[in-house]
Amino acid sequence: MRNENDKPLPPDAALAVRLTRLRQARGWSLEKLADKSGISRASLSRIERGETSPTAHVLGQLAAAYQMPMAALFSGLEDLGGDRVSRSDQQEWSDPQTGFRRRNVSPARTGYKGSVIEGTLPAGREVTYSDTPIPGLEHHLLLRSGRLEVVLGETSHVLEAGDCLRFKLTTGNSYRAPGPEDARYILCVIAP
């Protein structure tokens, strides 16, 4: 996303614009989105004005309210041009609460069902999503370094570097980096 001078917006500002446009395109008031997402109207307003950056948990709640993969919340933030996505076009976002970093390696795009992200979760930190945005959303997670515990409902999977976990989301989930080093992974998400 770009400003009126055709310069890229900072990631948090671009995300604020995208979230505002998503809500407005559905004709929803802030109150309606608050009811659907469980996020207070005041918090939603601050996020849309760019006064605060949403956490990964809040983005998960918004994705569930909109019934779309989280990657789609970030779509439209990049000026992609063709099929090649250069490193400089791969938008990065950081969770202000946990330090989780997310880079859109292959962002959600019209005509494609999947996206690829690179995630880095700092050692000792956890990101929890209370629900799945789309039941059956397919994931393929390759842990590149560190250790990562992925909890899907009542089932826990502890991954070591090089391990791959395939799953379809049907419930809330969480990711925890037990340490001692950060967990770095590649995640492919495919819409049903």
N, C-alpha and C. Protein backbone atom coordinates (compact mmCIF):
# COMPACT_ATOMS: atom_id res chain seq x y z
N MET A 1 0.83 -1.16 0.00
CA MET A 1 0.00 0.00 0.00
C MET A 1 0.89 1.24 0.00
N ARG A 2 0.44 2.23 -0.73
CA ARG A 2 1.26 3.43 -0.88
C ARG A 2 0.47 4.67 -0.47
N ASN A 3 1.22 5.73 -0.10
CA ASN A 3 0.57 6.98 0.24
C ASN A 3 0.37 7.81 -1.03
N GLU A 4 -0.10 9.04 -0.87
CA GLU A 4 -0.38 9.90 -2.03
C GLU A 4 0.88 10.28 -2.81
N ASN A 5 2.06 10.16 -2.22
CA ASN A 5 3.32 10.45 -2.91
C ASN A 5 3.92 9.20 -3.54
N ASP A 6 3.14 8.11 -3.60
CA ASP A 6 3.54 6.82 -4.16
C ASP A 6 4.71 6.20 -3.41
N LYS A 7 4.80 6.48 -2.11
CA LYS A 7 5.80 5.84 -1.27
C LYS A 7 5.11 4.78 -0.44
N PRO A 8 5.78 3.64 -0.20
CA PRO A 8 5.15 2.60 0.62
C PRO A 8 4.84 3.11 2.02
N LEU A 9 3.66 2.74 2.53
CA LEU A 9 3.30 3.07 3.91
C LEU A 9 4.09 2.16 4.85
N PRO A 10 4.40 2.63 6.04
CA PRO A 10 5.00 1.74 7.04
C PRO A 10 4.05 0.58 7.30
N PRO A 11 4.59 -0.60 7.68
CA PRO A 11 3.74 -1.79 7.85
C PRO A 11 2.51 -1.58 8.74
N ASP A 12 2.67 -0.96 9.90
CA ASP A 12 1.52 -0.78 10.79
C ASP A 12 0.47 0.15 10.18
N ALA A 13 0.90 1.19 9.48
CA ALA A 13 -0.04 2.11 8.83
C ALA A 13 -0.78 1.40 7.69
N ALA A 14 -0.06 0.61 6.91
CA ALA A 14 -0.69 -0.14 5.81
C ALA A 14 -1.70 -1.14 6.36
N LEU A 15 -1.37 -1.80 7.47
CA LEU A 15 -2.29 -2.76 8.07
C LEU A 15 -3.53 -2.05 8.59
N ALA A 16 -3.37 -0.88 9.19
CA ALA A 16 -4.51 -0.12 9.69
C ALA A 16 -5.46 0.24 8.55
N VAL A 17 -4.91 0.68 7.42
CA VAL A 17 -5.74 1.01 6.25
C VAL A 17 -6.45 -0.24 5.74
N ARG A 18 -5.73 -1.36 5.64
CA ARG A 18 -6.32 -2.60 5.15
C ARG A 18 -7.47 -3.05 6.05
N LEU A 19 -7.28 -3.01 7.37
CA LEU A 19 -8.32 -3.45 8.29
C LEU A 19 -9.55 -2.54 8.21
N THR A 20 -9.33 -1.25 8.04
CA THR A 20 -10.44 -0.31 7.89
C THR A 20 -11.22 -0.62 6.61
N ARG A 21 -10.50 -0.85 5.53
CA ARG A 21 -11.16 -1.15 4.25
C ARG A 21 -11.94 -2.45 4.29
N LEU A 22 -11.40 -3.46 4.97
CA LEU A 22 -12.13 -4.73 5.09
C LEU A 22 -13.46 -4.53 5.80
N ARG A 23 -13.44 -3.79 6.89
CA ARG A 23 -14.66 -3.55 7.65
C ARG A 23 -15.66 -2.75 6.83
N GLN A 24 -15.18 -1.69 6.19
CA GLN A 24 -16.06 -0.83 5.41
C GLN A 24 -16.64 -1.56 4.20
N ALA A 25 -15.86 -2.43 3.57
CA ALA A 25 -16.34 -3.18 2.40
C ALA A 25 -17.52 -4.08 2.78
N ARG A 26 -17.57 -4.51 4.03
CA ARG A 26 -18.69 -5.35 4.48
C ARG A 26 -19.86 -4.50 5.00
N GLY A 27 -19.64 -3.19 5.07
CA GLY A 27 -20.69 -2.32 5.57
C GLY A 27 -20.90 -2.45 7.07
N TRP A 28 -19.85 -2.91 7.78
CA TRP A 28 -19.96 -3.11 9.23
C TRP A 28 -19.55 -1.85 9.97
N SER A 29 -20.26 -1.57 11.04
CA SER A 29 -19.83 -0.52 11.97
C SER A 29 -18.76 -1.11 12.88
N LEU A 30 -18.09 -0.24 13.61
CA LEU A 30 -17.13 -0.73 14.61
C LEU A 30 -17.84 -1.59 15.66
N GLU A 31 -19.09 -1.21 16.00
CA GLU A 31 -19.86 -1.98 16.98
C GLU A 31 -20.12 -3.40 16.47
N LYS A 32 -20.49 -3.52 15.20
CA LYS A 32 -20.77 -4.85 14.65
C LYS A 32 -19.51 -5.70 14.64
N LEU A 33 -18.37 -5.11 14.23
CA LEU A 33 -17.12 -5.86 14.24
C LEU A 33 -16.73 -6.24 15.67
N ALA A 34 -16.97 -5.36 16.61
CA ALA A 34 -16.68 -5.66 18.02
C ALA A 34 -17.50 -6.87 18.48
N ASP A 35 -18.78 -6.90 18.11
CA ASP A 35 -19.64 -8.03 18.47
C ASP A 35 -19.15 -9.33 17.84
N LYS A 36 -18.74 -9.29 16.58
CA LYS A 36 -18.31 -10.49 15.86
C LYS A 36 -16.94 -10.98 16.32
N SER A 37 -16.07 -10.05 16.71
CA SER A 37 -14.68 -10.43 17.01
C SER A 37 -14.38 -10.60 18.49
N GLY A 38 -15.19 -9.99 19.35
CA GLY A 38 -14.89 -10.02 20.78
C GLY A 38 -13.83 -9.00 21.18
N ILE A 39 -13.51 -8.08 20.29
CA ILE A 39 -12.53 -7.01 20.55
C ILE A 39 -13.32 -5.74 20.82
N SER A 40 -12.93 -4.97 21.80
CA SER A 40 -13.69 -3.77 22.14
C SER A 40 -13.70 -2.77 20.99
N ARG A 41 -14.78 -2.00 20.92
CA ARG A 41 -14.90 -0.98 19.89
C ARG A 41 -13.76 0.02 20.00
N ALA A 42 -13.39 0.39 21.22
CA ALA A 42 -12.31 1.36 21.43
C ALA A 42 -10.99 0.82 20.89
N SER A 43 -10.70 -0.46 21.14
CA SER A 43 -9.46 -1.06 20.63
C SER A 43 -9.46 -1.10 19.11
N LEU A 44 -10.60 -1.49 18.53
CA LEU A 44 -10.70 -1.52 17.06
C LEU A 44 -10.47 -0.14 16.47
N SER A 45 -11.04 0.86 17.10
CA SER A 45 -10.87 2.24 16.62
C SER A 45 -9.40 2.67 16.66
N ARG A 46 -8.72 2.35 17.77
CA ARG A 46 -7.30 2.70 17.88
C ARG A 46 -6.46 1.97 16.84
N ILE A 47 -6.80 0.70 16.57
CA ILE A 47 -6.07 -0.07 15.55
C ILE A 47 -6.28 0.55 14.18
N GLU A 48 -7.53 0.87 13.83
CA GLU A 48 -7.82 1.43 12.51
C GLU A 48 -7.22 2.83 12.33
N ARG A 49 -7.07 3.57 13.40
CA ARG A 49 -6.44 4.90 13.30
C ARG A 49 -4.92 4.80 13.32
N GLY A 50 -4.39 3.59 13.51
CA GLY A 50 -2.95 3.39 13.53
C GLY A 50 -2.30 3.83 14.82
N GLU A 51 -3.09 4.00 15.88
CA GLU A 51 -2.55 4.42 17.17
C GLU A 51 -1.91 3.27 17.93
N THR A 52 -2.31 2.05 17.60
CA THR A 52 -1.75 0.86 18.22
C THR A 52 -1.69 -0.25 17.19
N SER A 53 -0.73 -1.13 17.36
CA SER A 53 -0.60 -2.26 16.45
C SER A 53 -1.30 -3.47 17.06
N PRO A 54 -2.10 -4.19 16.28
CA PRO A 54 -2.76 -5.37 16.84
C PRO A 54 -1.76 -6.47 17.15
N THR A 55 -2.08 -7.27 18.15
CA THR A 55 -1.26 -8.44 18.46
C THR A 55 -1.65 -9.57 17.51
N ALA A 56 -0.86 -10.63 17.50
CA ALA A 56 -1.20 -11.80 16.69
C ALA A 56 -2.53 -12.38 17.14
N HIS A 57 -2.78 -12.39 18.45
CA HIS A 57 -4.04 -12.92 18.97
C HIS A 57 -5.22 -12.10 18.44
N VAL A 58 -5.10 -10.78 18.45
CA VAL A 58 -6.17 -9.91 17.95
C VAL A 58 -6.36 -10.12 16.45
N LEU A 59 -5.27 -10.27 15.70
CA LEU A 59 -5.40 -10.54 14.26
C LEU A 59 -6.12 -11.87 14.04
N GLY A 60 -5.86 -12.85 14.90
CA GLY A 60 -6.58 -14.13 14.81
C GLY A 60 -8.07 -13.95 15.04
N GLN A 61 -8.44 -13.11 15.99
CA GLN A 61 -9.85 -12.83 16.25
C GLN A 61 -10.50 -12.12 15.06
N LEU A 62 -9.77 -11.20 14.45
CA LEU A 62 -10.29 -10.50 13.27
C LEU A 62 -10.44 -11.45 12.09
N ALA A 63 -9.47 -12.32 11.90
CA ALA A 63 -9.55 -13.30 10.80
C ALA A 63 -10.77 -14.19 10.99
N ALA A 64 -11.03 -14.61 12.23
CA ALA A 64 -12.21 -15.44 12.51
C ALA A 64 -13.49 -14.65 12.24
N ALA A 65 -13.53 -13.39 12.64
CA ALA A 65 -14.73 -12.57 12.41
C ALA A 65 -14.99 -12.40 10.92
N TYR A 66 -13.94 -12.21 10.14
CA TYR A 66 -14.08 -12.03 8.69
C TYR A 66 -14.15 -13.37 7.95
N GLN A 67 -13.90 -14.48 8.66
CA GLN A 67 -13.89 -15.82 8.09
C GLN A 67 -12.93 -15.90 6.90
N MET A 68 -11.69 -15.48 7.17
CA MET A 68 -10.64 -15.54 6.15
C MET A 68 -9.32 -15.88 6.82
N PRO A 69 -8.39 -16.49 6.07
CA PRO A 69 -7.08 -16.77 6.66
C PRO A 69 -6.41 -15.47 7.11
N MET A 70 -5.60 -15.56 8.14
CA MET A 70 -4.91 -14.36 8.63
C MET A 70 -4.08 -13.71 7.52
N ALA A 71 -3.50 -14.53 6.64
CA ALA A 71 -2.70 -13.98 5.54
C ALA A 71 -3.51 -13.01 4.70
N ALA A 72 -4.83 -13.25 4.58
CA ALA A 72 -5.66 -12.36 3.78
C ALA A 72 -5.82 -10.99 4.43
N LEU A 73 -5.63 -10.91 5.75
CA LEU A 73 -5.66 -9.60 6.40
C LEU A 73 -4.51 -8.72 5.91
N PHE A 74 -3.42 -9.36 5.51
CA PHE A 74 -2.25 -8.64 5.05
C PHE A 74 -2.24 -8.45 3.53
N SER A 75 -3.15 -9.13 2.80
CA SER A 75 -3.13 -9.03 1.35
C SER A 75 -3.47 -7.61 0.93
N GLY A 76 -2.90 -7.22 -0.17
CA GLY A 76 -3.11 -5.86 -0.64
C GLY A 76 -2.14 -4.88 -0.03
N LEU A 77 -1.29 -5.33 0.90
CA LEU A 77 -0.32 -4.42 1.51
C LEU A 77 0.92 -4.29 0.65
N GLU A 78 1.13 -5.24 -0.25
CA GLU A 78 2.31 -5.23 -1.09
C GLU A 78 1.93 -4.85 -2.52
N ASP A 79 2.83 -4.24 -3.22
CA ASP A 79 2.66 -3.96 -4.63
C ASP A 79 3.45 -5.04 -5.37
N LEU A 80 2.76 -6.15 -5.70
CA LEU A 80 3.46 -7.33 -6.15
C LEU A 80 3.86 -7.34 -7.61
N GLY A 81 3.09 -6.71 -8.48
CA GLY A 81 3.40 -6.78 -9.90
C GLY A 81 3.18 -8.19 -10.42
N GLY A 82 4.24 -8.89 -10.80
CA GLY A 82 4.14 -10.23 -11.38
C GLY A 82 4.16 -11.33 -10.34
N ASP A 83 4.52 -12.52 -10.82
CA ASP A 83 4.52 -13.70 -9.95
C ASP A 83 5.75 -13.78 -9.06
N ARG A 84 6.82 -13.11 -9.42
CA ARG A 84 8.03 -13.11 -8.59
C ARG A 84 7.84 -12.11 -7.45
N VAL A 85 8.09 -12.56 -6.24
CA VAL A 85 7.98 -11.68 -5.07
C VAL A 85 9.38 -11.47 -4.53
N SER A 86 9.97 -10.33 -4.84
CA SER A 86 11.33 -10.07 -4.38
C SER A 86 11.36 -9.85 -2.87
N ARG A 87 12.49 -10.06 -2.28
CA ARG A 87 12.64 -9.91 -0.83
C ARG A 87 12.19 -8.53 -0.36
N SER A 88 12.47 -7.52 -1.14
CA SER A 88 12.10 -6.16 -0.75
C SER A 88 10.59 -5.94 -0.76
N ASP A 89 9.83 -6.80 -1.45
CA ASP A 89 8.37 -6.69 -1.49
C ASP A 89 7.68 -7.56 -0.44
N GLN A 90 8.44 -8.30 0.34
CA GLN A 90 7.86 -9.19 1.34
C GLN A 90 7.64 -8.43 2.64
N GLN A 91 6.40 -8.02 2.85
CA GLN A 91 6.02 -7.20 4.00
C GLN A 91 6.32 -7.93 5.31
N GLU A 92 6.87 -7.21 6.28
CA GLU A 92 7.13 -7.77 7.60
C GLU A 92 6.25 -7.09 8.63
N TRP A 93 5.84 -7.86 9.62
CA TRP A 93 5.02 -7.35 10.71
C TRP A 93 5.51 -7.99 12.01
N SER A 94 5.48 -7.22 13.10
CA SER A 94 5.88 -7.73 14.41
C SER A 94 4.76 -7.55 15.41
N ASP A 95 4.52 -8.59 16.21
CA ASP A 95 3.54 -8.54 17.28
C ASP A 95 4.13 -7.71 18.42
N PRO A 96 3.50 -6.61 18.79
CA PRO A 96 4.08 -5.76 19.83
C PRO A 96 4.09 -6.40 21.22
N GLN A 97 3.27 -7.42 21.42
CA GLN A 97 3.19 -8.06 22.73
C GLN A 97 4.22 -9.17 22.90
N THR A 98 4.39 -10.02 21.89
CA THR A 98 5.25 -11.20 22.03
C THR A 98 6.59 -11.10 21.31
N GLY A 99 6.70 -10.14 20.38
CA GLY A 99 7.91 -10.05 19.57
C GLY A 99 7.89 -10.99 18.38
N PHE A 100 6.79 -11.75 18.20
CA PHE A 100 6.64 -12.63 17.04
C PHE A 100 6.78 -11.79 15.78
N ARG A 101 7.61 -12.28 14.84
CA ARG A 101 7.80 -11.59 13.56
C ARG A 101 7.26 -12.46 12.43
N ARG A 102 6.55 -11.83 11.52
CA ARG A 102 5.90 -12.51 10.41
C ARG A 102 6.29 -11.82 9.12
N ARG A 103 6.83 -12.58 8.18
CA ARG A 103 7.18 -12.03 6.87
C ARG A 103 6.36 -12.75 5.81
N ASN A 104 5.66 -12.00 4.98
CA ASN A 104 4.85 -12.56 3.90
C ASN A 104 5.76 -12.90 2.74
N VAL A 105 6.22 -14.14 2.68
CA VAL A 105 7.12 -14.58 1.61
C VAL A 105 6.35 -14.64 0.29
N SER A 106 5.18 -15.26 0.31
CA SER A 106 4.29 -15.33 -0.84
C SER A 106 2.90 -14.97 -0.33
N PRO A 107 2.54 -13.69 -0.39
CA PRO A 107 1.29 -13.22 0.21
C PRO A 107 0.05 -13.79 -0.48
N ALA A 108 -1.06 -13.76 0.25
CA ALA A 108 -2.35 -14.13 -0.32
C ALA A 108 -2.60 -13.25 -1.54
N ARG A 109 -3.15 -13.85 -2.58
CA ARG A 109 -3.35 -13.10 -3.82
C ARG A 109 -4.53 -13.70 -4.57
N THR A 110 -5.29 -12.87 -5.22
CA THR A 110 -6.43 -13.32 -6.01
C THR A 110 -5.97 -14.36 -7.02
N GLY A 111 -6.72 -15.45 -7.11
CA GLY A 111 -6.40 -16.51 -8.04
C GLY A 111 -5.57 -17.64 -7.43
N TYR A 112 -5.10 -17.46 -6.20
CA TYR A 112 -4.30 -18.47 -5.52
C TYR A 112 -5.00 -18.83 -4.21
N LYS A 113 -4.89 -20.10 -3.82
CA LYS A 113 -5.51 -20.55 -2.57
C LYS A 113 -4.54 -20.55 -1.41
N GLY A 114 -3.24 -20.41 -1.68
CA GLY A 114 -2.26 -20.53 -0.62
C GLY A 114 -1.41 -19.29 -0.45
N SER A 115 -0.70 -19.30 0.66
CA SER A 115 0.27 -18.25 0.94
C SER A 115 1.40 -18.90 1.75
N VAL A 116 2.54 -18.23 1.78
CA VAL A 116 3.70 -18.72 2.52
C VAL A 116 4.19 -17.59 3.42
N ILE A 117 4.40 -17.92 4.69
CA ILE A 117 4.97 -16.93 5.60
C ILE A 117 6.21 -17.52 6.26
N GLU A 118 7.08 -16.63 6.70
CA GLU A 118 8.20 -17.01 7.54
C GLU A 118 7.91 -16.41 8.91
N GLY A 119 7.96 -17.25 9.94
CA GLY A 119 7.70 -16.79 11.28
C GLY A 119 8.92 -16.95 12.17
N THR A 120 9.11 -16.01 13.08
CA THR A 120 10.15 -16.12 14.11
C THR A 120 9.49 -15.79 15.44
N LEU A 121 9.49 -16.79 16.32
CA LEU A 121 8.91 -16.63 17.64
C LEU A 121 10.06 -16.64 18.65
N PRO A 122 10.23 -15.55 19.40
CA PRO A 122 11.33 -15.50 20.36
C PRO A 122 11.24 -16.60 21.42
N ALA A 123 12.39 -17.07 21.86
CA ALA A 123 12.47 -18.11 22.89
C ALA A 123 11.68 -17.67 24.12
N GLY A 124 10.89 -18.60 24.65
CA GLY A 124 10.11 -18.33 25.85
C GLY A 124 8.79 -17.64 25.60
N ARG A 125 8.45 -17.37 24.35
CA ARG A 125 7.21 -16.65 24.04
C ARG A 125 6.19 -17.59 23.43
N GLU A 126 4.93 -17.17 23.49
CA GLU A 126 3.82 -17.98 22.97
C GLU A 126 2.81 -17.08 22.29
N VAL A 127 2.23 -17.59 21.21
CA VAL A 127 1.14 -16.92 20.50
C VAL A 127 -0.03 -17.88 20.50
N THR A 128 -1.20 -17.40 20.93
CA THR A 128 -2.39 -18.23 21.03
C THR A 128 -3.51 -17.64 20.19
N TYR A 129 -4.19 -18.52 19.46
CA TYR A 129 -5.36 -18.13 18.66
C TYR A 129 -6.55 -18.91 19.22
N SER A 130 -7.60 -18.19 19.60
CA SER A 130 -8.73 -18.82 20.28
C SER A 130 -9.63 -19.63 19.35
N ASP A 131 -9.54 -19.38 18.05
CA ASP A 131 -10.41 -20.07 17.11
C ASP A 131 -9.71 -20.16 15.77
N THR A 132 -10.29 -20.93 14.87
CA THR A 132 -9.78 -20.99 13.51
C THR A 132 -10.60 -20.05 12.64
N PRO A 133 -9.96 -19.29 11.76
CA PRO A 133 -10.74 -18.37 10.93
C PRO A 133 -11.62 -19.10 9.93
N ILE A 134 -11.13 -20.22 9.42
CA ILE A 134 -11.86 -21.03 8.45
C ILE A 134 -11.66 -22.49 8.84
N PRO A 135 -12.72 -23.21 9.20
CA PRO A 135 -12.54 -24.63 9.53
C PRO A 135 -11.92 -25.39 8.36
N GLY A 136 -10.92 -26.20 8.66
CA GLY A 136 -10.26 -26.98 7.62
C GLY A 136 -9.13 -26.27 6.91
N LEU A 137 -8.76 -25.08 7.38
CA LEU A 137 -7.65 -24.33 6.77
C LEU A 137 -6.38 -25.17 6.89
N GLU A 138 -5.79 -25.50 5.75
CA GLU A 138 -4.65 -26.42 5.71
C GLU A 138 -3.34 -25.69 5.98
N HIS A 139 -2.49 -26.31 6.81
CA HIS A 139 -1.19 -25.76 7.17
C HIS A 139 -0.09 -26.80 6.97
N HIS A 140 1.06 -26.35 6.51
CA HIS A 140 2.28 -27.17 6.42
C HIS A 140 3.38 -26.32 7.05
N LEU A 141 3.86 -26.73 8.21
CA LEU A 141 4.83 -25.94 8.97
C LEU A 141 6.17 -26.67 8.98
N LEU A 142 7.21 -26.02 8.48
CA LEU A 142 8.57 -26.55 8.49
C LEU A 142 9.39 -25.73 9.47
N LEU A 143 9.86 -26.38 10.55
CA LEU A 143 10.68 -25.69 11.54
C LEU A 143 12.12 -25.64 11.03
N ARG A 144 12.64 -24.44 10.82
CA ARG A 144 13.99 -24.27 10.29
C ARG A 144 15.05 -24.30 11.38
N SER A 145 14.75 -23.71 12.54
CA SER A 145 15.71 -23.72 13.64
C SER A 145 14.98 -23.53 14.96
N GLY A 146 15.63 -23.93 16.05
CA GLY A 146 15.04 -23.85 17.37
C GLY A 146 14.11 -25.02 17.64
N ARG A 147 13.26 -24.84 18.62
CA ARG A 147 12.23 -25.82 18.96
C ARG A 147 10.90 -25.09 19.00
N LEU A 148 9.82 -25.82 18.67
CA LEU A 148 8.50 -25.21 18.64
C LEU A 148 7.47 -26.21 19.12
N GLU A 149 6.64 -25.79 20.06
CA GLU A 149 5.51 -26.61 20.48
C GLU A 149 4.26 -26.03 19.84
N VAL A 150 3.55 -26.87 19.09
CA VAL A 150 2.30 -26.48 18.44
C VAL A 150 1.18 -27.25 19.12
N VAL A 151 0.21 -26.54 19.68
CA VAL A 151 -0.92 -27.17 20.33
C VAL A 151 -2.16 -26.94 19.48
N LEU A 152 -2.78 -28.04 19.07
CA LEU A 152 -3.99 -28.02 18.26
C LEU A 152 -5.10 -28.65 19.08
N GLY A 153 -5.96 -27.81 19.65
CA GLY A 153 -6.99 -28.33 20.55
C GLY A 153 -6.33 -28.93 21.78
N GLU A 154 -6.48 -30.25 21.97
CA GLU A 154 -5.90 -30.95 23.11
C GLU A 154 -4.60 -31.66 22.76
N THR A 155 -4.17 -31.59 21.51
CA THR A 155 -2.99 -32.33 21.06
C THR A 155 -1.79 -31.41 20.94
N SER A 156 -0.67 -31.84 21.54
CA SER A 156 0.57 -31.05 21.51
C SER A 156 1.61 -31.76 20.64
N HIS A 157 2.29 -30.99 19.82
CA HIS A 157 3.37 -31.49 18.97
C HIS A 157 4.62 -30.66 19.26
N VAL A 158 5.71 -31.33 19.64
CA VAL A 158 6.97 -30.63 19.86
C VAL A 158 7.86 -30.91 18.66
N LEU A 159 8.24 -29.83 17.96
CA LEU A 159 9.03 -29.95 16.75
C LEU A 159 10.47 -29.56 17.00
N GLU A 160 11.38 -30.29 16.36
CA GLU A 160 12.80 -29.98 16.36
C GLU A 160 13.15 -29.45 14.97
N ALA A 161 14.28 -28.77 14.84
CA ALA A 161 14.71 -28.22 13.55
C ALA A 161 14.66 -29.30 12.47
N GLY A 162 14.03 -28.97 11.35
CA GLY A 162 13.90 -29.89 10.23
C GLY A 162 12.59 -30.65 10.22
N ASP A 163 11.85 -30.67 11.34
CA ASP A 163 10.57 -31.36 11.39
C ASP A 163 9.51 -30.57 10.63
N CYS A 164 8.55 -31.30 10.07
CA CYS A 164 7.42 -30.70 9.38
C CYS A 164 6.13 -31.21 10.02
N LEU A 165 5.18 -30.33 10.24
CA LEU A 165 3.89 -30.69 10.80
C LEU A 165 2.81 -30.26 9.81
N ARG A 166 1.97 -31.22 9.40
CA ARG A 166 0.84 -30.93 8.51
C ARG A 166 -0.44 -31.02 9.34
N PHE A 167 -1.33 -30.04 9.17
CA PHE A 167 -2.59 -30.09 9.91
C PHE A 167 -3.64 -29.21 9.25
N LYS A 168 -4.89 -29.54 9.54
CA LYS A 168 -6.03 -28.72 9.13
C LYS A 168 -6.65 -28.18 10.42
N LEU A 169 -6.80 -26.87 10.47
CA LEU A 169 -7.32 -26.25 11.68
C LEU A 169 -8.81 -26.51 11.83
N THR A 170 -9.18 -26.97 13.01
CA THR A 170 -10.59 -27.16 13.34
C THR A 170 -10.91 -26.56 14.71
N THR A 171 -9.90 -26.01 15.37
CA THR A 171 -10.07 -25.51 16.74
C THR A 171 -9.02 -24.44 17.01
N GLY A 172 -9.06 -23.88 18.21
CA GLY A 172 -8.03 -22.94 18.62
C GLY A 172 -6.67 -23.61 18.62
N ASN A 173 -5.61 -22.80 18.60
CA ASN A 173 -4.27 -23.36 18.51
C ASN A 173 -3.27 -22.38 19.11
N SER A 174 -2.09 -22.91 19.41
CA SER A 174 -1.04 -22.03 19.94
C SER A 174 0.33 -22.51 19.49
N TYR A 175 1.27 -21.56 19.52
CA TYR A 175 2.65 -21.82 19.14
C TYR A 175 3.52 -21.30 20.29
N ARG A 176 4.45 -22.15 20.78
CA ARG A 176 5.33 -21.74 21.87
C ARG A 176 6.75 -22.15 21.54
N ALA A 177 7.67 -21.22 21.73
CA ALA A 177 9.10 -21.49 21.52
C ALA A 177 9.73 -21.74 22.89
N PRO A 178 9.95 -23.01 23.26
CA PRO A 178 10.48 -23.30 24.60
C PRO A 178 11.93 -22.88 24.80
N GLY A 179 12.65 -22.60 23.70
CA GLY A 179 14.03 -22.16 23.82
C GLY A 179 15.01 -23.30 23.80
N PRO A 180 16.27 -23.05 23.97
CA PRO A 180 16.85 -21.78 24.37
C PRO A 180 16.97 -20.75 23.23
N GLU A 181 16.76 -21.17 21.98
CA GLU A 181 16.86 -20.20 20.88
C GLU A 181 15.49 -19.93 20.28
N ASP A 182 15.39 -18.87 19.50
CA ASP A 182 14.15 -18.52 18.82
C ASP A 182 13.74 -19.66 17.89
N ALA A 183 12.43 -19.79 17.67
CA ALA A 183 11.91 -20.77 16.70
C ALA A 183 11.67 -20.04 15.38
N ARG A 184 12.33 -20.52 14.32
CA ARG A 184 12.15 -19.94 12.98
C ARG A 184 11.53 -21.00 12.10
N TYR A 185 10.44 -20.63 11.42
CA TYR A 185 9.73 -21.61 10.61
C TYR A 185 9.16 -21.00 9.33
N ILE A 186 8.85 -21.89 8.41
CA ILE A 186 8.13 -21.55 7.19
C ILE A 186 6.76 -22.18 7.30
N LEU A 187 5.72 -21.42 7.01
CA LEU A 187 4.36 -21.92 7.09
C LEU A 187 3.64 -21.69 5.77
N CYS A 188 3.15 -22.77 5.17
CA CYS A 188 2.32 -22.69 3.97
C CYS A 188 0.87 -22.87 4.42
N VAL A 189 0.02 -21.94 4.04
CA VAL A 189 -1.40 -21.98 4.41
C VAL A 189 -2.20 -22.06 3.12
N ILE A 190 -3.12 -23.06 3.08
CA ILE A 190 -3.91 -23.30 1.87
C ILE A 190 -5.39 -23.27 2.25
N ALA A 191 -6.15 -22.42 1.59
CA ALA A 191 -7.58 -22.31 1.86
C ALA A 191 -8.31 -23.55 1.32
N PRO A 192 -9.34 -24.01 2.03
CA PRO A 192 -10.09 -25.18 1.57
C PRO A 192 -10.84 -24.89 0.26
